[in-house]
Amino acid sequence: MNYKHTTAGDQLRLVFNGDLIGENNGPELVELVNDSLTKGMKYCLIDISDVRYINSSGIGVLITLLTKFRNKGGELFLIKPSEHVQKLLIITKLQAIFNIVDTEQEALSKIK
């Protein structure tokens, strides 16, 4: 998986593409989030529209990131999961845990 990150105000924005297999990028992402939280970020917006596949380690990474933001009084949003990822979130009942939105603008409106 490849990812890009940017920050704006109190928001960390991530764009993932490829396969989210936690062993490969998990520790790096957790470190990025820890650094962002110490810099005052409260919200994480993750565009996963180009993620083809997620394994259990990848799900674990997403849950870890979500937990870190919520523990600091913030929130994490998953933006436009692909059909495959959406089905996986439903099967695992994680759609009830994550804030899933169709667009970045929808996430921003929930923050305000």
PDB file of N, CA and C in Angstrom:
ATOM      1  N   MET A   1       0.842  -1.178   0.000  1.00  0.00           N
ATOM      2  CA  MET A   1       0.000   0.000   0.000  1.00  0.00           C
ATOM      3  C   MET A   1       0.885   1.238   0.000  1.00  0.00           C
ATOM      4  N   ASN A   2       0.425   2.241  -0.688  1.00  0.00           N
ATOM      5  CA  ASN A   2       1.050   3.555  -0.657  1.00  0.00           C
ATOM      6  C   ASN A   2       0.094   4.516   0.037  1.00  0.00           C
ATOM      7  N   TYR A   3       0.646   5.555   0.631  1.00  0.00           N
ATOM      8  CA  TYR A   3      -0.210   6.578   1.226  1.00  0.00           C
ATOM      9  C   TYR A   3       0.476   7.925   1.155  1.00  0.00           C
ATOM     10  N   LYS A   4      -0.371   8.954   1.173  1.00  0.00           N
ATOM     11  CA  LYS A   4       0.097  10.331   1.245  1.00  0.00           C
ATOM     12  C   LYS A   4      -0.577  10.962   2.449  1.00  0.00           C
ATOM     13  N   HIS A   5       0.093  11.930   3.065  1.00  0.00           N
ATOM     14  CA  HIS A   5      -0.544  12.619   4.178  1.00  0.00           C
ATOM     15  C   HIS A   5      -0.301  14.114   4.069  1.00  0.00           C
ATOM     16  N   THR A   6      -1.304  14.851   4.538  1.00  0.00           N
ATOM     17  CA  THR A   6      -1.211  16.297   4.642  1.00  0.00           C
ATOM     18  C   THR A   6      -1.876  16.696   5.958  1.00  0.00           C
ATOM     19  N   THR A   7      -1.604  17.915   6.389  1.00  0.00           N
ATOM     20  CA  THR A   7      -2.273  18.426   7.577  1.00  0.00           C
ATOM     21  C   THR A   7      -2.875  19.784   7.249  1.00  0.00           C
ATOM     22  N   ALA A   8      -3.973  20.083   7.919  1.00  0.00           N
ATOM     23  CA  ALA A   8      -4.630  21.385   7.787  1.00  0.00           C
ATOM     24  C   ALA A   8      -5.312  21.673   9.116  1.00  0.00           C
ATOM     25  N   GLY A   9      -4.844  22.700   9.797  1.00  0.00           N
ATOM     26  CA  GLY A   9      -5.428  23.025  11.096  1.00  0.00           C
ATOM     27  C   GLY A   9      -5.244  21.876  12.063  1.00  0.00           C
ATOM     28  N   ASP A  10      -6.351  21.350  12.587  1.00  0.00           N
ATOM     29  CA  ASP A  10      -6.290  20.240  13.532  1.00  0.00           C
ATOM     30  C   ASP A  10      -6.633  18.906  12.869  1.00  0.00           C
ATOM     31  N   GLN A  11      -6.406  18.826  11.554  1.00  0.00           N
ATOM     32  CA  GLN A  11      -6.787  17.628  10.799  1.00  0.00           C
ATOM     33  C   GLN A  11      -5.585  16.990  10.111  1.00  0.00           C
ATOM     34  N   LEU A  12      -5.495  15.688  10.266  1.00  0.00           N
ATOM     35  CA  LEU A  12      -4.547  14.874   9.516  1.00  0.00           C
ATOM     36  C   LEU A  12      -5.336  14.222   8.394  1.00  0.00           C
ATOM     37  N   ARG A  13      -4.873  14.387   7.166  1.00  0.00           N
ATOM     38  CA  ARG A  13      -5.559  13.793   6.016  1.00  0.00           C
ATOM     39  C   ARG A  13      -4.651  12.762   5.386  1.00  0.00           C
ATOM     40  N   LEU A  14      -5.183  11.556   5.235  1.00  0.00           N
ATOM     41  CA  LEU A  14      -4.439  10.450   4.641  1.00  0.00           C
ATOM     42  C   LEU A  14      -5.174   9.962   3.408  1.00  0.00           C
ATOM     43  N   VAL A  15      -4.423   9.595   2.389  1.00  0.00           N
ATOM     44  CA  VAL A  15      -4.995   8.977   1.193  1.00  0.00           C
ATOM     45  C   VAL A  15      -4.259   7.655   1.003  1.00  0.00           C
ATOM     46  N   PHE A  16      -5.013   6.557   1.077  1.00  0.00           N
ATOM     47  CA  PHE A  16      -4.442   5.223   0.906  1.00  0.00           C
ATOM     48  C   PHE A  16      -4.765   4.716  -0.487  1.00  0.00           C
ATOM     49  N   ASN A  17      -3.847   3.941  -1.064  1.00  0.00           N
ATOM     50  CA  ASN A  17      -4.181   3.200  -2.270  1.00  0.00           C
ATOM     51  C   ASN A  17      -3.414   1.890  -2.284  1.00  0.00           C
ATOM     52  N   GLY A  18      -4.005   0.900  -2.926  1.00  0.00           N
ATOM     53  CA  GLY A  18      -3.411  -0.437  -2.946  1.00  0.00           C
ATOM     54  C   GLY A  18      -4.091  -1.334  -1.934  1.00  0.00           C
ATOM     55  N   ASP A  19      -3.316  -2.239  -1.357  1.00  0.00           N
ATOM     56  CA  ASP A  19      -3.834  -3.205  -0.390  1.00  0.00           C
ATOM     57  C   ASP A  19      -3.377  -2.813   1.011  1.00  0.00           C
ATOM     58  N   LEU A  20      -4.336  -2.685   1.930  1.00  0.00           N
ATOM     59  CA  LEU A  20      -4.018  -2.314   3.313  1.00  0.00           C
ATOM     60  C   LEU A  20      -3.734  -3.585   4.100  1.00  0.00           C
ATOM     61  N   ILE A  21      -2.447  -3.914   4.147  1.00  0.00           N
ATOM     62  CA  ILE A  21      -1.986  -5.086   4.883  1.00  0.00           C
ATOM     63  C   ILE A  21      -1.099  -4.536   5.991  1.00  0.00           C
ATOM     64  N   GLY A  22      -1.584  -4.576   7.196  1.00  0.00           N
ATOM     65  CA  GLY A  22      -1.004  -3.848   8.315  1.00  0.00           C
ATOM     66  C   GLY A  22       0.459  -4.087   8.599  1.00  0.00           C
ATOM     67  N   GLU A  23       0.966  -5.300   8.310  1.00  0.00           N
ATOM     68  CA  GLU A  23       2.359  -5.581   8.642  1.00  0.00           C
ATOM     69  C   GLU A  23       3.303  -4.646   7.895  1.00  0.00           C
ATOM     70  N   ASN A  24       2.917  -4.228   6.706  1.00  0.00           N
ATOM     71  CA  ASN A  24       3.809  -3.423   5.873  1.00  0.00           C
ATOM     72  C   ASN A  24       3.883  -1.973   6.329  1.00  0.00           C
ATOM     73  N   ASN A  25       2.749  -1.340   6.538  1.00  0.00           N
ATOM     74  CA  ASN A  25       2.716   0.088   6.834  1.00  0.00           C
ATOM     75  C   ASN A  25       2.221   0.415   8.231  1.00  0.00           C
ATOM     76  N   GLY A  26       1.732  -0.559   8.952  1.00  0.00           N
ATOM     77  CA  GLY A  26       1.118  -0.311  10.250  1.00  0.00           C
ATOM     78  C   GLY A  26       1.966   0.490  11.220  1.00  0.00           C
ATOM     79  N   PRO A  27       3.179   0.027  11.544  1.00  0.00           N
ATOM     80  CA  PRO A  27       3.999   0.772  12.512  1.00  0.00           C
ATOM     81  C   PRO A  27       4.312   2.200  12.049  1.00  0.00           C
ATOM     82  N   GLU A  28       4.536   2.363  10.759  1.00  0.00           N
ATOM     83  CA  GLU A  28       4.830   3.690  10.203  1.00  0.00           C
ATOM     84  C   GLU A  28       3.625   4.623  10.358  1.00  0.00           C
ATOM     85  N   LEU A  29       2.427   4.100  10.088  1.00  0.00           N
ATOM     86  CA  LEU A  29       1.207   4.905  10.231  1.00  0.00           C
ATOM     87  C   LEU A  29       0.941   5.265  11.693  1.00  0.00           C
ATOM     88  N   VAL A  30       1.158   4.316  12.581  1.00  0.00           N
ATOM     89  CA  VAL A  30       0.944   4.581  14.006  1.00  0.00           C
ATOM     90  C   VAL A  30       1.902   5.667  14.479  1.00  0.00           C
ATOM     91  N   GLU A  31       3.143   5.612  14.028  1.00  0.00           N
ATOM     92  CA  GLU A  31       4.117   6.641  14.394  1.00  0.00           C
ATOM     93  C   GLU A  31       3.703   8.008  13.848  1.00  0.00           C
ATOM     94  N   LEU A  32       3.225   8.044  12.611  1.00  0.00           N
ATOM     95  CA  LEU A  32       2.749   9.296  12.017  1.00  0.00           C
ATOM     96  C   LEU A  32       1.589   9.867  12.827  1.00  0.00           C
ATOM     97  N   VAL A  33       0.654   9.012  13.222  1.00  0.00           N
ATOM     98  CA  VAL A  33      -0.496   9.468  14.006  1.00  0.00           C
ATOM     99  C   VAL A  33      -0.044   9.954  15.382  1.00  0.00           C
ATOM    100  N   ASN A  34       0.864   9.233  16.029  1.00  0.00           N
ATOM    101  CA  ASN A  34       1.360   9.683  17.338  1.00  0.00           C
ATOM    102  C   ASN A  34       1.997  11.065  17.226  1.00  0.00           C
ATOM    103  N   ASP A  35       2.808  11.268  16.201  1.00  0.00           N
ATOM    104  CA  ASP A  35       3.428  12.579  15.981  1.00  0.00           C
ATOM    105  C   ASP A  35       2.367  13.651  15.745  1.00  0.00           C
ATOM    106  N   SER A  36       1.354  13.317  14.952  1.00  0.00           N
ATOM    107  CA  SER A  36       0.285  14.270  14.645  1.00  0.00           C
ATOM    108  C   SER A  36      -0.499  14.637  15.898  1.00  0.00           C
ATOM    109  N   LEU A  37      -0.778  13.648  16.733  1.00  0.00           N
ATOM    110  CA  LEU A  37      -1.531  13.915  17.962  1.00  0.00           C
ATOM    111  C   LEU A  37      -0.731  14.809  18.913  1.00  0.00           C
ATOM    112  N   THR A  38       0.567  14.621  18.982  1.00  0.00           N
ATOM    113  CA  THR A  38       1.368  15.484  19.855  1.00  0.00           C
ATOM    114  C   THR A  38       1.440  16.904  19.307  1.00  0.00           C
ATOM    115  N   LYS A  39       1.169  17.079  18.025  1.00  0.00           N
ATOM    116  CA  LYS A  39       1.157  18.411  17.420  1.00  0.00           C
ATOM    117  C   LYS A  39      -0.234  19.041  17.454  1.00  0.00           C
ATOM    118  N   GLY A  40      -1.192  18.375  18.116  1.00  0.00           N
ATOM    119  CA  GLY A  40      -2.510  18.966  18.305  1.00  0.00           C
ATOM    120  C   GLY A  40      -3.571  18.566  17.303  1.00  0.00           C
ATOM    121  N   MET A  41      -3.299  17.593  16.469  1.00  0.00           N
ATOM    122  CA  MET A  41      -4.332  17.132  15.527  1.00  0.00           C
ATOM    123  C   MET A  41      -5.436  16.430  16.315  1.00  0.00           C
ATOM    124  N   LYS A  42      -6.688  16.711  15.952  1.00  0.00           N
ATOM    125  CA  LYS A  42      -7.826  16.080  16.624  1.00  0.00           C
ATOM    126  C   LYS A  42      -8.637  15.191  15.703  1.00  0.00           C
ATOM    127  N   TYR A  43      -8.485  15.409  14.404  1.00  0.00           N
ATOM    128  CA  TYR A  43      -9.308  14.681  13.438  1.00  0.00           C
ATOM    129  C   TYR A  43      -8.426  14.026  12.388  1.00  0.00           C
ATOM    130  N   CYS A  44      -8.845  12.846  11.982  1.00  0.00           N
ATOM    131  CA  CYS A  44      -8.134  12.123  10.930  1.00  0.00           C
ATOM    132  C   CYS A  44      -9.143  11.765   9.848  1.00  0.00           C
ATOM    133  N   LEU A  45      -8.858  12.180   8.631  1.00  0.00           N
ATOM    134  CA  LEU A  45      -9.704  11.883   7.484  1.00  0.00           C
ATOM    135  C   LEU A  45      -8.909  10.957   6.580  1.00  0.00           C
ATOM    136  N   ILE A  46      -9.404   9.742   6.399  1.00  0.00           N
ATOM    137  CA  ILE A  46      -8.686   8.750   5.602  1.00  0.00           C
ATOM    138  C   ILE A  46      -9.502   8.419   4.358  1.00  0.00           C
ATOM    139  N   ASP A  47      -8.975   8.785   3.201  1.00  0.00           N
ATOM    140  CA  ASP A  47      -9.606   8.445   1.925  1.00  0.00           C
ATOM    141  C   ASP A  47      -9.154   7.036   1.559  1.00  0.00           C
ATOM    142  N   ILE A  48     -10.088   6.089   1.607  1.00  0.00           N
ATOM    143  CA  ILE A  48      -9.765   4.707   1.287  1.00  0.00           C
ATOM    144  C   ILE A  48     -10.467   4.240   0.009  1.00  0.00           C
ATOM    145  N   SER A  49     -10.836   5.197  -0.823  1.00  0.00           N
ATOM    146  CA  SER A  49     -11.563   4.843  -2.052  1.00  0.00           C
ATOM    147  C   SER A  49     -10.736   4.001  -3.007  1.00  0.00           C
ATOM    148  N   ASP A  50      -9.402   4.087  -2.929  1.00  0.00           N
ATOM    149  CA  ASP A  50      -8.542   3.310  -3.821  1.00  0.00           C
ATOM    150  C   ASP A  50      -7.901   2.100  -3.139  1.00  0.00           C
ATOM    151  N   VAL A  51      -8.435   1.712  -1.971  1.00  0.00           N
ATOM    152  CA  VAL A  51      -7.953   0.504  -1.302  1.00  0.00           C
ATOM    153  C   VAL A  51      -8.712  -0.680  -1.885  1.00  0.00           C
ATOM    154  N   ARG A  52      -7.949  -1.631  -2.438  1.00  0.00           N
ATOM    155  CA  ARG A  52      -8.573  -2.801  -3.075  1.00  0.00           C
ATOM    156  C   ARG A  52      -8.894  -3.896  -2.079  1.00  0.00           C
ATOM    157  N   TYR A  53      -8.027  -4.046  -1.072  1.00  0.00           N
ATOM    158  CA  TYR A  53      -8.116  -5.190  -0.167  1.00  0.00           C
ATOM    159  C   TYR A  53      -7.606  -4.777   1.215  1.00  0.00           C
ATOM    160  N   ILE A  54      -8.254  -5.309   2.243  1.00  0.00           N
ATOM    161  CA  ILE A  54      -7.789  -5.116   3.623  1.00  0.00           C
ATOM    162  C   ILE A  54      -7.775  -6.481   4.299  1.00  0.00           C
ATOM    163  N   ASN A  55      -6.671  -6.812   4.956  1.00  0.00           N
ATOM    164  CA  ASN A  55      -6.650  -8.043   5.737  1.00  0.00           C
ATOM    165  C   ASN A  55      -6.882  -7.712   7.207  1.00  0.00           C
ATOM    166  N   SER A  56      -6.810  -8.725   8.066  1.00  0.00           N
ATOM    167  CA  SER A  56      -7.106  -8.493   9.488  1.00  0.00           C
ATOM    168  C   SER A  56      -6.095  -7.544  10.126  1.00  0.00           C
ATOM    169  N   SER A  57      -4.848  -7.586   9.696  1.00  0.00           N
ATOM    170  CA  SER A  57      -3.855  -6.655  10.233  1.00  0.00           C
ATOM    171  C   SER A  57      -4.173  -5.225   9.814  1.00  0.00           C
ATOM    172  N   GLY A  58      -4.643  -5.058   8.593  1.00  0.00           N
ATOM    173  CA  GLY A  58      -5.043  -3.731   8.114  1.00  0.00           C
ATOM    174  C   GLY A  58      -6.216  -3.190   8.909  1.00  0.00           C
ATOM    175  N   ILE A  59      -7.180  -4.046   9.215  1.00  0.00           N
ATOM    176  CA  ILE A  59      -8.310  -3.635  10.048  1.00  0.00           C
ATOM    177  C   ILE A  59      -7.799  -3.229  11.430  1.00  0.00           C
ATOM    178  N   GLY A  60      -6.850  -4.005  11.942  1.00  0.00           N
ATOM    179  CA  GLY A  60      -6.261  -3.684  13.247  1.00  0.00           C
ATOM    180  C   GLY A  60      -5.604  -2.310  13.253  1.00  0.00           C
ATOM    181  N   VAL A  61      -4.926  -1.965  12.161  1.00  0.00           N
ATOM    182  CA  VAL A  61      -4.294  -0.647  12.054  1.00  0.00           C
ATOM    183  C   VAL A  61      -5.364   0.441  12.095  1.00  0.00           C
ATOM    184  N   LEU A  62      -6.447   0.277  11.327  1.00  0.00           N
ATOM    185  CA  LEU A  62      -7.521   1.280  11.317  1.00  0.00           C
ATOM    186  C   LEU A  62      -8.128   1.447  12.710  1.00  0.00           C
ATOM    187  N   ILE A  63      -8.336   0.330  13.405  1.00  0.00           N
ATOM    188  CA  ILE A  63      -8.912   0.394  14.755  1.00  0.00           C
ATOM    189  C   ILE A  63      -7.938   1.084  15.713  1.00  0.00           C
ATOM    190  N   THR A  64      -6.658   0.804  15.572  1.00  0.00           N
ATOM    191  CA  THR A  64      -5.648   1.462  16.408  1.00  0.00           C
ATOM    192  C   THR A  64      -5.664   2.970  16.194  1.00  0.00           C
ATOM    193  N   LEU A  65      -5.708   3.384  14.930  1.00  0.00           N
ATOM    194  CA  LEU A  65      -5.731   4.818  14.630  1.00  0.00           C
ATOM    195  C   LEU A  65      -6.992   5.467  15.191  1.00  0.00           C
ATOM    196  N   LEU A  66      -8.132   4.802  15.001  1.00  0.00           N
ATOM    197  CA  LEU A  66      -9.402   5.303  15.529  1.00  0.00           C
ATOM    198  C   LEU A  66      -9.316   5.480  17.051  1.00  0.00           C
ATOM    199  N   THR A  67      -8.797   4.473  17.731  1.00  0.00           N
ATOM    200  CA  THR A  67      -8.686   4.507  19.187  1.00  0.00           C
ATOM    201  C   THR A  67      -7.799   5.655  19.648  1.00  0.00           C
ATOM    202  N   LYS A  68      -6.685   5.858  18.969  1.00  0.00           N
ATOM    203  CA  LYS A  68      -5.766   6.932  19.347  1.00  0.00           C
ATOM    204  C   LYS A  68      -6.447   8.297  19.243  1.00  0.00           C
ATOM    205  N   PHE A  69      -7.188   8.525  18.164  1.00  0.00           N
ATOM    206  CA  PHE A  69      -7.865   9.815  18.012  1.00  0.00           C
ATOM    207  C   PHE A  69      -8.992   9.975  19.023  1.00  0.00           C
ATOM    208  N   ARG A  70      -9.776   8.949  19.237  1.00  0.00           N
ATOM    209  CA  ARG A  70     -10.880   9.059  20.199  1.00  0.00           C
ATOM    210  C   ARG A  70     -10.365   9.235  21.623  1.00  0.00           C
ATOM    211  N   ASN A  71      -9.254   8.598  21.955  1.00  0.00           N
ATOM    212  CA  ASN A  71      -8.687   8.765  23.295  1.00  0.00           C
ATOM    213  C   ASN A  71      -8.235  10.196  23.553  1.00  0.00           C
ATOM    214  N   LYS A  72      -7.967  10.949  22.503  1.00  0.00           N
ATOM    215  CA  LYS A  72      -7.565  12.356  22.627  1.00  0.00           C
ATOM    216  C   LYS A  72      -8.742  13.305  22.408  1.00  0.00           C
ATOM    217  N   GLY A  73      -9.971  12.758  22.368  1.00  0.00           N
ATOM    218  CA  GLY A  73     -11.157  13.583  22.198  1.00  0.00           C
ATOM    219  C   GLY A  73     -11.441  13.943  20.751  1.00  0.00           C
ATOM    220  N   GLY A  74     -10.798  13.248  19.839  1.00  0.00           N
ATOM    221  CA  GLY A  74     -10.985  13.524  18.416  1.00  0.00           C
ATOM    222  C   GLY A  74     -11.807  12.452  17.731  1.00  0.00           C
ATOM    223  N   GLU A  75     -11.676  12.407  16.412  1.00  0.00           N
ATOM    224  CA  GLU A  75     -12.468  11.454  15.623  1.00  0.00           C
ATOM    225  C   GLU A  75     -11.715  11.098  14.350  1.00  0.00           C
ATOM    226  N   LEU A  76     -12.026   9.924  13.823  1.00  0.00           N
ATOM    227  CA  LEU A  76     -11.470   9.442  12.563  1.00  0.00           C
ATOM    228  C   LEU A  76     -12.619   9.174  11.604  1.00  0.00           C
ATOM    229  N   PHE A  77     -12.441   9.589  10.353  1.00  0.00           N
ATOM    230  CA  PHE A  77     -13.447   9.378   9.319  1.00  0.00           C
ATOM    231  C   PHE A  77     -12.849   8.549   8.191  1.00  0.00           C
ATOM    232  N   LEU A  78     -13.588   7.547   7.741  1.00  0.00           N
ATOM    233  CA  LEU A  78     -13.203   6.787   6.554  1.00  0.00           C
ATOM    234  C   LEU A  78     -14.001   7.350   5.382  1.00  0.00           C
ATOM    235  N   ILE A  79     -13.292   7.785   4.353  1.00  0.00           N
ATOM    236  CA  ILE A  79     -13.943   8.431   3.212  1.00  0.00           C
ATOM    237  C   ILE A  79     -14.034   7.462   2.047  1.00  0.00           C
ATOM    238  N   LYS A  80     -15.257   7.256   1.598  1.00  0.00           N
ATOM    239  CA  LYS A  80     -15.607   6.515   0.392  1.00  0.00           C
ATOM    240  C   LYS A  80     -14.911   5.160   0.258  1.00  0.00           C
ATOM    241  N   PRO A  81     -15.203   4.225   1.168  1.00  0.00           N
ATOM    242  CA  PRO A  81     -14.609   2.899   1.018  1.00  0.00           C
ATOM    243  C   PRO A  81     -15.087   2.238  -0.271  1.00  0.00           C
ATOM    244  N   SER A  82     -14.206   1.482  -0.906  1.00  0.00           N
ATOM    245  CA  SER A  82     -14.584   0.749  -2.117  1.00  0.00           C
ATOM    246  C   SER A  82     -15.660  -0.272  -1.765  1.00  0.00           C
ATOM    247  N   GLU A  83     -16.287  -0.834  -2.768  1.00  0.00           N
ATOM    248  CA  GLU A  83     -17.372  -1.792  -2.532  1.00  0.00           C
ATOM    249  C   GLU A  83     -16.866  -2.982  -1.719  1.00  0.00           C
ATOM    250  N   HIS A  84     -15.699  -3.486  -2.062  1.00  0.00           N
ATOM    251  CA  HIS A  84     -15.132  -4.628  -1.333  1.00  0.00           C
ATOM    252  C   HIS A  84     -14.892  -4.275   0.134  1.00  0.00           C
ATOM    253  N   VAL A  85     -14.301  -3.120   0.378  1.00  0.00           N
ATOM    254  CA  VAL A  85     -14.007  -2.692   1.751  1.00  0.00           C
ATOM    255  C   VAL A  85     -15.306  -2.428   2.509  1.00  0.00           C
ATOM    256  N   GLN A  86     -16.283  -1.830   1.843  1.00  0.00           N
ATOM    257  CA  GLN A  86     -17.588  -1.575   2.476  1.00  0.00           C
ATOM    258  C   GLN A  86     -18.228  -2.883   2.927  1.00  0.00           C
ATOM    259  N   LYS A  87     -18.174  -3.910   2.072  1.00  0.00           N
ATOM    260  CA  LYS A  87     -18.736  -5.221   2.440  1.00  0.00           C
ATOM    261  C   LYS A  87     -18.020  -5.796   3.656  1.00  0.00           C
ATOM    262  N   LEU A  88     -16.700  -5.658   3.676  1.00  0.00           N
ATOM    263  CA  LEU A  88     -15.921  -6.163   4.807  1.00  0.00           C
ATOM    264  C   LEU A  88     -16.299  -5.439   6.100  1.00  0.00           C
ATOM    265  N   LEU A  89     -16.482  -4.136   6.028  1.00  0.00           N
ATOM    266  CA  LEU A  89     -16.878  -3.364   7.216  1.00  0.00           C
ATOM    267  C   LEU A  89     -18.255  -3.795   7.717  1.00  0.00           C
ATOM    268  N   ILE A  90     -19.146  -4.118   6.800  1.00  0.00           N
ATOM    269  CA  ILE A  90     -20.497  -4.568   7.182  1.00  0.00           C
ATOM    270  C   ILE A  90     -20.430  -5.962   7.812  1.00  0.00           C
ATOM    271  N   ILE A  91     -19.690  -6.884   7.173  1.00  0.00           N
ATOM    272  CA  ILE A  91     -19.584  -8.254   7.682  1.00  0.00           C
ATOM    273  C   ILE A  91     -18.990  -8.269   9.087  1.00  0.00           C
ATOM    274  N   THR A  92     -18.000  -7.428   9.315  1.00  0.00           N
ATOM    275  CA  THR A  92     -17.335  -7.385  10.620  1.00  0.00           C
ATOM    276  C   THR A  92     -18.036  -6.460  11.619  1.00  0.00           C
ATOM    277  N   LYS A  93     -19.114  -5.851  11.163  1.00  0.00           N
ATOM    278  CA  LYS A  93     -19.906  -4.912  11.971  1.00  0.00           C
ATOM    279  C   LYS A  93     -19.120  -3.660  12.368  1.00  0.00           C
ATOM    280  N   LEU A  94     -18.040  -3.382  11.661  1.00  0.00           N
ATOM    281  CA  LEU A  94     -17.233  -2.207  11.961  1.00  0.00           C
ATOM    282  C   LEU A  94     -17.830  -0.923  11.402  1.00  0.00           C
ATOM    283  N   GLN A  95     -18.835  -1.043  10.522  1.00  0.00           N
ATOM    284  CA  GLN A  95     -19.487   0.166  10.031  1.00  0.00           C
ATOM    285  C   GLN A  95     -20.201   0.887  11.163  1.00  0.00           C
ATOM    286  N   ALA A  96     -20.490   0.163  12.253  1.00  0.00           N
ATOM    287  CA  ALA A  96     -21.122   0.783  13.420  1.00  0.00           C
ATOM    288  C   ALA A  96     -20.092   1.500  14.297  1.00  0.00           C
ATOM    289  N   ILE A  97     -18.831   1.198  14.133  1.00  0.00           N
ATOM    290  CA  ILE A  97     -17.765   1.779  14.948  1.00  0.00           C
ATOM    291  C   ILE A  97     -17.164   3.011  14.276  1.00  0.00           C
ATOM    292  N   PHE A  98     -16.917   2.900  12.968  1.00  0.00           N
ATOM    293  CA  PHE A  98     -16.271   3.976  12.224  1.00  0.00           C
ATOM    294  C   PHE A  98     -17.282   4.996  11.705  1.00  0.00           C
ATOM    295  N   ASN A  99     -16.849   6.231  11.601  1.00  0.00           N
ATOM    296  CA  ASN A  99     -17.604   7.260  10.887  1.00  0.00           C
ATOM    297  C   ASN A  99     -17.261   7.102   9.412  1.00  0.00           C
ATOM    298  N   ILE A 100     -18.200   6.637   8.620  1.00  0.00           N
ATOM    299  CA  ILE A 100     -17.970   6.408   7.195  1.00  0.00           C
ATOM    300  C   ILE A 100     -18.753   7.457   6.421  1.00  0.00           C
ATOM    301  N   VAL A 101     -18.047   8.182   5.560  1.00  0.00           N
ATOM    302  CA  VAL A 101     -18.661   9.258   4.786  1.00  0.00           C
ATOM    303  C   VAL A 101     -18.322   9.076   3.314  1.00  0.00           C
ATOM    304  N   ASP A 102     -19.091   9.739   2.459  1.00  0.00           N
ATOM    305  CA  ASP A 102     -18.880   9.626   1.017  1.00  0.00           C
ATOM    306  C   ASP A 102     -17.856  10.617   0.477  1.00  0.00           C
ATOM    307  N   THR A 103     -17.715  11.753   1.161  1.00  0.00           N
ATOM    308  CA  THR A 103     -16.800  12.782   0.666  1.00  0.00           C
ATOM    309  C   THR A 103     -16.053  13.427   1.833  1.00  0.00           C
ATOM    310  N   GLU A 104     -14.944  14.069   1.512  1.00  0.00           N
ATOM    311  CA  GLU A 104     -14.201  14.810   2.526  1.00  0.00           C
ATOM    312  C   GLU A 104     -15.066  15.957   3.061  1.00  0.00           C
ATOM    313  N   GLN A 105     -15.840  16.578   2.179  1.00  0.00           N
ATOM    314  CA  GLN A 105     -16.703  17.677   2.601  1.00  0.00           C
ATOM    315  C   GLN A 105     -17.724  17.211   3.654  1.00  0.00           C
ATOM    316  N   GLU A 106     -18.248  16.008   3.478  1.00  0.00           N
ATOM    317  CA  GLU A 106     -19.197  15.472   4.467  1.00  0.00           C
ATOM    318  C   GLU A 106     -18.500  15.286   5.819  1.00  0.00           C
ATOM    319  N   ALA A 107     -17.271  14.822   5.815  1.00  0.00           N
ATOM    320  CA  ALA A 107     -16.509  14.675   7.057  1.00  0.00           C
ATOM    321  C   ALA A 107     -16.290  16.032   7.711  1.00  0.00           C
ATOM    322  N   LEU A 108     -15.900  17.014   6.893  1.00  0.00           N
ATOM    323  CA  LEU A 108     -15.654  18.362   7.422  1.00  0.00           C
ATOM    324  C   LEU A 108     -16.914  18.965   8.029  1.00  0.00           C
ATOM    325  N   SER A 109     -18.076  18.699   7.419  1.00  0.00           N
ATOM    326  CA  SER A 109     -19.323  19.243   7.963  1.00  0.00           C
ATOM    327  C   SER A 109     -19.664  18.595   9.303  1.00  0.00           C
ATOM    328  N   LYS A 110     -19.268  17.340   9.518  1.00  0.00           N
ATOM    329  CA  LYS A 110     -19.513  16.687  10.792  1.00  0.00           C
ATOM    330  C   LYS A 110     -18.568  17.191  11.889  1.00  0.00           C
ATOM    331  N   ILE A 111     -17.412  17.690  11.468  1.00  0.00           N
ATOM    332  CA  ILE A 111     -16.445  18.237  12.418  1.00  0.00           C
ATOM    333  C   ILE A 111     -16.937  19.564  12.962  1.00  0.00           C
ATOM    334  N   LYS A 112     -17.527  20.398  12.112  1.00  0.00           N
ATOM    335  CA  LYS A 112     -17.938  21.748  12.503  1.00  0.00           C
ATOM    336  C   LYS A 112     -19.060  21.733  13.505  1.00  0.00           C
TER     337      LYS A 112
END
